[in-house]
Structures are given as C-alpha cells and as structure tokens.
C-alpha atoms as a PDB file:
ATOM      1  CA  MET A   1     -18.770 -93.339-179.612  1.00  0.00           C
ATOM      2  CA  THR A   2     -15.525 -92.929-177.716  1.00  0.00           C
ATOM      3  CA  ILE A   3     -15.976 -92.097-174.053  1.00  0.00           C
ATOM      4  CA  GLN A   4     -13.769 -89.463-172.417  1.00  0.00           C
ATOM      5  CA  ILE A   5     -11.796 -90.953-169.547  1.00  0.00           C
ATOM      6  CA  THR A   6      -9.746 -89.145-166.914  1.00  0.00           C
ATOM      7  CA  GLN A   7      -7.177 -91.343-165.186  1.00  0.00           C
ATOM      8  CA  HIS A   8      -6.626 -90.571-161.485  1.00  0.00           C
ATOM      9  CA  SER A   9      -4.347 -93.481-160.630  1.00  0.00           C
ATOM     10  CA  ASN A  10      -3.247 -96.813-162.065  1.00  0.00           C
ATOM     11  CA  GLU A  11      -6.425 -98.324-160.587  1.00  0.00           C
ATOM     12  CA  PHE A  12      -9.104 -95.613-160.917  1.00  0.00           C
ATOM     13  CA  SER A  13     -10.478 -93.413-163.692  1.00  0.00           C
ATOM     14  CA  THR A  14     -13.625 -91.360-164.191  1.00  0.00           C
ATOM     15  CA  THR A  15     -15.907 -90.417-167.046  1.00  0.00           C
ATOM     16  CA  PRO A  16     -19.119 -88.446-167.562  1.00  0.00           C
ATOM     17  CA  GLN A  17     -22.445 -90.287-167.878  1.00  0.00           C
ATOM     18  CA  ILE A  18     -22.088 -93.566-169.719  1.00  0.00           C
ATOM     19  CA  GLN A  19     -24.660 -95.074-172.045  1.00  0.00           C
ATOM     20  CA  LEU A  20     -25.530 -98.729-172.518  1.00  0.00           C
ATOM     21  CA  THR A  21     -23.779 -98.574-175.890  1.00  0.00           C
ATOM     22  CA  ASP A  22     -20.507 -97.618-174.114  1.00  0.00           C
ATOM     23  CA  MET A  23     -20.267-100.870-172.158  1.00  0.00           C
ATOM     24  CA  GLN A  24     -18.410-102.828-174.828  1.00  0.00           C
ATOM     25  CA  GLU A  25     -15.771-100.091-175.137  1.00  0.00           C
ATOM     26  CA  ILE A  26     -15.396 -99.909-171.350  1.00  0.00           C
ATOM     27  CA  ALA A  27     -14.750-103.660-171.198  1.00  0.00           C
ATOM     28  CA  GLN A  28     -12.327-103.492-174.143  1.00  0.00           C
ATOM     29  CA  LEU A  29     -10.347-100.756-172.372  1.00  0.00           C
ATOM     30  CA  GLY A  30      -9.675-103.203-169.539  1.00  0.00           C
ATOM     31  CA  PHE A  31     -12.012-101.930-166.845  1.00  0.00           C
ATOM     32  CA  LYS A  32     -13.267-104.616-164.467  1.00  0.00           C
ATOM     33  CA  THR A  33     -15.560-102.604-162.186  1.00  0.00           C
ATOM     34  CA  ILE A  34     -17.930 -99.672-162.728  1.00  0.00           C
ATOM     35  CA  ILE A  35     -18.982 -97.406-159.854  1.00  0.00           C
ATOM     36  CA  ASN A  36     -22.061 -95.282-160.549  1.00  0.00           C
ATOM     37  CA  ASN A  37     -22.364 -92.096-158.462  1.00  0.00           C
ATOM     38  CA  ARG A  38     -25.327 -90.631-160.349  1.00  0.00           C
ATOM     39  CA  PRO A  39     -28.816 -91.006-158.853  1.00  0.00           C
ATOM     40  CA  ASP A  40     -31.429 -92.517-161.159  1.00  0.00           C
ATOM     41  CA  PHE A  41     -33.510 -90.019-163.143  1.00  0.00           C
ATOM     42  CA  GLU A  42     -31.309 -87.051-162.220  1.00  0.00           C
ATOM     43  CA  GLY A  43     -31.048 -86.309-165.947  1.00  0.00           C
ATOM     44  CA  GLY A  44     -34.598 -87.273-166.804  1.00  0.00           C
ATOM     45  CA  ALA A  45     -36.036 -90.314-168.517  1.00  0.00           C
ATOM     46  CA  GLU A  46     -33.309 -90.414-171.201  1.00  0.00           C
ATOM     47  CA  GLN A  47     -30.672 -91.312-168.581  1.00  0.00           C
ATOM     48  CA  PRO A  48     -30.196 -95.089-168.294  1.00  0.00           C
ATOM     49  CA  THR A  49     -31.144 -96.419-164.869  1.00  0.00           C
ATOM     50  CA  SER A  50     -28.773 -98.103-162.494  1.00  0.00           C
ATOM     51  CA  GLU A  51     -30.468-101.457-163.135  1.00  0.00           C
ATOM     52  CA  GLN A  52     -30.070-101.094-166.898  1.00  0.00           C
ATOM     53  CA  ILE A  53     -26.381-100.252-166.583  1.00  0.00           C
ATOM     54  CA  LYS A  54     -25.852-103.079-164.105  1.00  0.00           C
ATOM     55  CA  ALA A  55     -27.438-105.611-166.462  1.00  0.00           C
ATOM     56  CA  ALA A  56     -25.331-104.414-169.414  1.00  0.00           C
ATOM     57  CA  ALA A  57     -22.152-104.462-167.311  1.00  0.00           C
ATOM     58  CA  GLU A  58     -22.760-107.942-165.933  1.00  0.00           C
ATOM     59  CA  LYS A  59     -23.402-109.318-169.450  1.00  0.00           C
ATOM     60  CA  LEU A  60     -19.802-108.354-170.229  1.00  0.00           C
ATOM     61  CA  GLY A  61     -18.395-109.724-166.967  1.00  0.00           C
ATOM     62  CA  LEU A  62     -17.969-106.313-165.348  1.00  0.00           C
ATOM     63  CA  ALA A  63     -18.707-105.760-161.665  1.00  0.00           C
ATOM     64  CA  TYR A  64     -21.146-102.942-160.944  1.00  0.00           C
ATOM     65  CA  ILE A  65     -21.523-100.818-157.802  1.00  0.00           C
ATOM     66  CA  TYR A  66     -24.152 -98.128-157.207  1.00  0.00           C
ATOM     67  CA  ILE A  67     -23.348 -95.346-154.723  1.00  0.00           C
ATOM     68  CA  PRO A  68     -25.645 -92.440-155.703  1.00  0.00           C
ATOM     69  CA  VAL A  69     -24.483 -88.975-154.668  1.00  0.00           C
ATOM     70  CA  ILE A  70     -26.544 -85.787-154.876  1.00  0.00           C
ATOM     71  CA  PRO A  71     -24.530 -83.005-156.585  1.00  0.00           C
ATOM     72  CA  ASN A  72     -22.456 -80.933-154.137  1.00  0.00           C
ATOM     73  CA  ASN A  73     -23.583 -83.160-151.252  1.00  0.00           C
ATOM     74  CA  ILE A  74     -21.071 -85.975-150.704  1.00  0.00           C
ATOM     75  CA  GLN A  75     -21.697 -87.559-147.313  1.00  0.00           C
ATOM     76  CA  ALA A  76     -19.188 -89.328-145.056  1.00  0.00           C
ATOM     77  CA  GLU A  77     -21.215 -92.557-145.359  1.00  0.00           C
ATOM     78  CA  GLN A  78     -20.871 -92.425-149.136  1.00  0.00           C
ATOM     79  CA  VAL A  79     -17.109 -91.979-148.879  1.00  0.00           C
ATOM     80  CA  SER A  80     -16.997 -94.923-146.482  1.00  0.00           C
ATOM     81  CA  ALA A  81     -19.092 -97.043-148.864  1.00  0.00           C
ATOM     82  CA  PHE A  82     -16.774 -96.056-151.711  1.00  0.00           C
ATOM     83  CA  ASN A  83     -13.697 -96.985-149.630  1.00  0.00           C
ATOM     84  CA  THR A  84     -15.124-100.426-148.928  1.00  0.00           C
ATOM     85  CA  ALA A  85     -16.250-101.002-152.507  1.00  0.00           C
ATOM     86  CA  PHE A  86     -12.993 -99.753-154.029  1.00  0.00           C
ATOM     87  CA  ALA A  87     -10.869-101.879-151.688  1.00  0.00           C
ATOM     88  CA  LYS A  88     -12.766-105.033-152.741  1.00  0.00           C
ATOM     89  CA  ALA A  89     -13.229-104.110-156.407  1.00  0.00           C
ATOM     90  CA  LYS A  90     -11.478-105.821-159.264  1.00  0.00           C
ATOM     91  CA  LYS A  91      -9.167-103.231-160.769  1.00  0.00           C
ATOM     92  CA  LEU A  92      -9.300-101.209-163.161  1.00  0.00           C
ATOM     93  CA  VAL A  93     -12.233 -99.248-161.769  1.00  0.00           C
ATOM     94  CA  LEU A  94     -14.239 -96.682-163.737  1.00  0.00           C
ATOM     95  CA  GLY A  95     -16.368 -94.221-161.770  1.00  0.00           C
ATOM     96  CA  PHE A  96     -18.990 -92.015-163.368  1.00  0.00           C
ATOM     97  CA  CYS A  97     -21.692 -89.435-162.772  1.00  0.00           C
ATOM     98  CA  LYS A  98     -23.142 -86.679-164.965  1.00  0.00           C
ATOM     99  CA  THR A  99     -19.833 -84.856-165.545  1.00  0.00           C
ATOM    100  CA  GLY A 100     -17.347 -87.078-163.714  1.00  0.00           C
ATOM    101  CA  ASN A 101     -16.840 -84.506-160.949  1.00  0.00           C
ATOM    102  CA  ARG A 102     -18.655 -86.375-158.146  1.00  0.00           C
ATOM    103  CA  ALA A 103     -16.921 -89.612-159.077  1.00  0.00           C
ATOM    104  CA  SER A 104     -13.585 -87.806-159.007  1.00  0.00           C
ATOM    105  CA  SER A 105     -14.371 -86.025-155.735  1.00  0.00           C
ATOM    106  CA  ILE A 106     -15.474 -89.144-153.871  1.00  0.00           C
ATOM    107  CA  TYR A 107     -12.297 -90.925-155.004  1.00  0.00           C
ATOM    108  CA  GLN A 108     -10.113 -88.010-153.893  1.00  0.00           C
ATOM    109  CA  LEU A 109     -11.885 -87.884-150.537  1.00  0.00           C
ATOM    110  CA  SER A 110     -11.360 -91.598-150.076  1.00  0.00           C
ATOM    111  CA  GLN A 111      -7.655 -91.235-150.788  1.00  0.00           C
ATOM    112  CA  SER A 112      -7.197 -88.130-148.634  1.00  0.00           C
ATOM    113  CA  ASN A 113      -4.906 -88.502-145.631  1.00  0.00           C
ATOM    114  CA  GLN A 114      -6.887 -85.734-143.942  1.00  0.00           C
ATOM    115  CA  LEU A 115     -10.024 -87.828-144.102  1.00  0.00           C
ATOM    116  CA  THR A 116      -8.429 -90.934-142.633  1.00  0.00           C
ATOM    117  CA  GLN A 117      -6.549 -89.048-139.890  1.00  0.00           C
ATOM    118  CA  GLN A 118      -9.578 -87.070-138.720  1.00  0.00           C
ATOM    119  CA  THR A 119     -13.248 -87.656-138.306  1.00  0.00           C
ATOM    120  CA  PRO A 120     -15.043 -87.895-141.646  1.00  0.00           C
ATOM    121  CA  ALA A 121     -16.801 -84.555-141.100  1.00  0.00           C
ATOM    122  CA  LYS A 122     -13.550 -82.709-140.341  1.00  0.00           C
ATOM    123  CA  GLY A 123     -11.867 -84.334-143.309  1.00  0.00           C
ATOM    124  CA  LEU A 124     -14.721 -83.262-145.575  1.00  0.00           C
ATOM    125  CA  VAL A 125     -14.520 -79.672-144.301  1.00  0.00           C
ATOM    126  CA  GLN A 126     -10.751 -79.617-144.891  1.00  0.00           C
ATOM    127  CA  TRP A 127     -11.205 -80.925-148.419  1.00  0.00           C
ATOM    128  CA  LEU A 128     -13.958 -78.411-149.184  1.00  0.00           C
ATOM    129  CA  LYS A 129     -11.753 -75.558-147.992  1.00  0.00           C
ATOM    130  CA  SER A 130      -8.898 -76.786-150.144  1.00  0.00           C
ATOM    131  CA  LYS A 131     -11.175 -76.802-153.202  1.00  0.00           C
ATOM    132  CA  CYS A 132     -12.560 -73.282-152.557  1.00  0.00           C
ATOM    133  CA  LEU A 133     -16.077 -74.686-152.400  1.00  0.00           C
ATOM    134  CA  VAL A 134     -16.726 -73.285-148.945  1.00  0.00           C
ATOM    135  CA  THR A 135     -18.286 -70.180-150.444  1.00  0.00           C
ATOM    136  CA  LYS A 136     -20.647 -72.275-152.580  1.00  0.00           C
ATOM    137  CA  LEU A 137     -21.547 -74.439-149.606  1.00  0.00           C
ATOM    138  CA  PHE A 138     -22.136 -71.370-147.414  1.00  0.00           C
ATOM    139  CA  ARG A 139     -24.396 -69.807-150.050  1.00  0.00           C
ATOM    140  CA  PHE A 140     -26.278 -73.085-150.506  1.00  0.00           C
ATOM    141  CA  CYS A 141     -26.869 -73.452-146.757  1.00  0.00           C
ATOM    142  CA  ARG A 142     -27.831 -69.797-146.378  1.00  0.00           C
ATOM    143  CA  ALA A 143     -30.362 -70.122-149.216  1.00  0.00           C
ATOM    144  CA  LYS A 144     -31.866 -73.261-147.659  1.00  0.00           C
ATOM    145  CA  LEU A 145     -32.200 -71.588-144.262  1.00  0.00           C
ATOM    146  CA  ALA A 146     -33.708 -68.371-145.649  1.00  0.00           C
END
C-alpha cells in the first residue's frame, strides 16, 4: 500500500493513520522520525497502538514520538511539546493522526509567528480565527455548557 503524504516543508510532512505494514515504505522514503498525534483506541481496536507503532518504527531505525491530541482540541502544552520534539528530531519528520489534519495543525501552530510573539492562548485564538474554526469552537463550547 502506498501512503498519501502531504509535504509542508523540506523537513515535515503529514499523512493519515499509518499501519504497521507502512513502516518499511516510510523508512524507504527517507523519513527519520515519526510523530503520532492520534490517541490510542480513538478508532477502535483495529487501530494500531502507539506502542505497536513505536516498536515497528524502532526496528527500522526510526525515532518515534507520541503527542496525542483530541480532535479539535489542540492545547498550548501540546504545541510546546511538538516544538521541543521537532527541534530535536532527526529530519525528515512524518506526523500523523486519523486524517492528517491534527498533525498538520500542530505543525502550523508551532511555526506560527503569532504563537511565538504572543502568549500561547492568544496565538491559538488568532490561528483559530484565521482558519474560520471559531464558529465550530463556539458551537462546541455552547453545547458542552448547555
């Protein structure tokens, strides 16, 4: 199976959920580090666990980092953890989650000048506004409070 990769920079790309059988292809494509942003069991029992992916990655000499993110709920601490991990990671880095969107979003937040020039919370709000997700966030919060 050929995985679908979206390149965001010369050092970072994303893909939807990977399988253990994808690890060889990932290594052959030149990736050195995998960052997993999908919580274990989010997709049910058929989703490989973080530990399974880590073991398969390390067998091929790939570094593995686990920063689980709940959909539509990226936290400042997760962006900070990503910044630290990405700065230290052997490049090329491949991030993934269910669809690739969280992995892409956390990377974009980490690279955002707004985030580094402001407090993390203000940077996150600015980014959300720029992505027109404020309405979704408002509706989500309103539903939780109701």
